[in-house]
Amino acid sequence: VQLQACGGGLVQAGESLRLSCAASGNIVSLNTEGWYRQAPGKQRELVATITSGGSTNYADSVKGRFTVSRDNAKNTVYLQMNSLKPEDTGVYYCHLRAGIYTYWGQGTLVTVSS
């Protein structure tokens, strides 16, 4: 399984970005996809996840601003990020977990200037 993320960039505080991550390969239909991020000098942290059934989970810091969604037919997960803050800056990694298997994308950089 390979995950290809895209959509990062440089924006100003208050603006929006949409990340997408396409999965390819032998993908088990029952899985959880999501996004993690890693800020400079910090550990990687969960941002949001979504199950194949549509149940979502968000970090408290992004609730009400970020929305995770997925298109199962396209094996693609999205992260709509609104009202971005400088503290949202980091490398965003897409993630897929299916049973005992875990896969990571290559990461896409999001930089939010104040």
Protein backbone atom coordinates (compact mmCIF):
# COMPACT_ATOMS: atom_id res chain seq x y z
CA VAL A 1 0.00 0.00 0.00
CA GLN A 2 1.26 3.46 -0.91
CA LEU A 3 -0.08 6.79 0.30
CA GLN A 4 0.48 9.96 -1.73
CA ALA A 5 -0.32 13.21 0.04
CA CYS A 6 -0.57 16.65 -1.51
CA GLY A 7 -2.03 20.08 -0.89
CA GLY A 8 0.38 21.67 1.56
CA GLY A 9 1.70 25.17 1.16
CA LEU A 10 2.28 28.57 2.68
CA VAL A 11 -0.75 30.54 3.83
CA GLN A 12 -1.52 33.41 6.17
CA ALA A 13 -3.31 33.00 9.46
CA GLY A 14 -7.05 32.74 8.95
CA GLU A 15 -6.81 31.22 5.50
CA SER A 16 -7.69 27.69 4.42
CA LEU A 17 -5.99 24.70 2.84
CA ARG A 18 -7.21 21.32 1.71
CA LEU A 19 -4.98 18.29 1.90
CA SER A 20 -5.66 15.06 0.08
CA CYS A 21 -4.10 11.63 0.28
CA ALA A 22 -4.64 8.90 -2.27
CA ALA A 23 -4.02 5.30 -1.34
CA SER A 24 -3.05 2.66 -3.86
CA GLY A 25 -2.28 -1.03 -3.70
CA ASN A 26 -3.98 -3.89 -1.92
CA ILE A 27 -6.24 -1.95 0.43
CA VAL A 28 -8.47 -3.68 2.91
CA SER A 29 -11.91 -2.11 2.77
CA LEU A 30 -12.30 -1.88 6.55
CA ASN A 31 -9.72 0.65 7.65
CA THR A 32 -9.10 3.92 9.41
CA GLU A 33 -7.47 6.79 7.58
CA GLY A 34 -6.33 10.05 8.96
CA TRP A 35 -3.81 12.77 9.41
CA TYR A 36 -1.00 13.37 11.85
CA ARG A 37 1.33 16.34 12.00
CA GLN A 38 4.77 17.10 13.31
CA ALA A 39 5.84 20.61 14.19
CA PRO A 40 9.54 21.51 14.35
CA GLY A 41 11.05 20.13 17.53
CA LYS A 42 7.88 18.35 18.57
CA GLN A 43 6.55 14.83 18.43
CA ARG A 44 4.13 13.68 15.78
CA GLU A 45 0.54 14.12 16.93
CA LEU A 46 -2.86 13.01 15.77
CA VAL A 47 -4.91 15.60 13.90
CA ALA A 48 -7.97 13.70 12.70
CA THR A 49 -9.07 10.22 11.71
CA ILE A 50 -12.02 8.72 9.90
CA THR A 51 -13.11 5.12 9.70
CA SER A 52 -14.39 3.43 6.56
CA GLY A 53 -17.83 3.76 8.13
CA GLY A 54 -17.45 7.52 8.49
CA SER A 55 -16.81 7.89 12.22
CA THR A 56 -14.44 10.76 12.92
CA ASN A 57 -12.07 11.77 15.68
CA TYR A 58 -10.29 15.12 16.08
CA ALA A 59 -7.59 16.59 18.22
CA ASP A 60 -9.05 19.22 20.55
CA SER A 61 -6.83 21.87 18.98
CA VAL A 62 -8.50 21.52 15.56
CA LYS A 63 -12.10 20.80 16.47
CA GLY A 64 -14.44 23.21 14.73
CA ARG A 65 -11.76 24.29 12.23
CA PHE A 66 -10.70 21.10 10.46
CA THR A 67 -12.86 18.53 8.72
CA VAL A 68 -11.69 15.07 7.69
CA SER A 69 -13.57 13.21 4.97
CA ARG A 70 -12.99 10.33 2.61
CA ASP A 71 -14.07 9.00 -0.76
CA ASN A 72 -13.98 5.23 -0.47
CA ALA A 73 -14.45 4.76 -4.22
CA LYS A 74 -11.29 6.78 -4.84
CA ASN A 75 -9.40 5.50 -1.77
CA THR A 76 -8.74 9.12 -0.91
CA VAL A 77 -8.89 10.95 2.41
CA TYR A 78 -9.14 14.72 2.70
CA LEU A 79 -8.42 17.29 5.38
CA GLN A 80 -10.13 20.64 5.02
CA MET A 81 -8.33 23.13 7.23
CA ASN A 82 -10.04 26.46 7.90
CA SER A 83 -9.09 29.37 10.11
CA LEU A 84 -5.49 28.24 10.12
CA LYS A 85 -3.22 29.40 12.91
CA PRO A 86 0.59 29.67 13.06
CA GLU A 87 0.58 26.77 15.53
CA ASP A 88 -0.88 24.56 12.80
CA THR A 89 2.48 24.76 11.01
CA GLY A 90 4.13 21.42 10.47
CA VAL A 91 4.55 18.43 8.22
CA TYR A 92 1.24 16.65 7.76
CA TYR A 93 1.31 12.90 7.26
CA CYS A 94 -1.55 10.79 6.04
CA HIS A 95 -2.01 7.46 7.71
CA LEU A 96 -3.92 4.26 7.05
CA ARG A 97 -4.48 1.47 9.52
CA ALA A 98 -6.04 -1.83 8.49
CA GLY A 99 -5.96 -4.58 11.07
CA ILE A 100 -2.38 -5.03 12.23
CA TYR A 101 -0.97 -3.07 9.30
CA THR A 102 -0.09 0.64 9.37
CA TYR A 103 1.01 2.78 6.45
CA TRP A 104 2.31 6.35 6.26
CA GLY A 105 2.47 8.86 3.45
CA GLN A 106 5.53 10.95 2.74
CA GLY A 107 4.27 14.12 4.40
CA THR A 108 3.31 17.51 3.07
CA LEU A 109 4.47 20.79 4.60
CA VAL A 110 1.95 23.32 5.86
CA THR A 111 3.27 26.71 6.89
CA VAL A 112 0.99 29.32 8.43
CA SER A 113 2.41 32.81 8.76
CA SER A 114 1.10 35.32 11.28
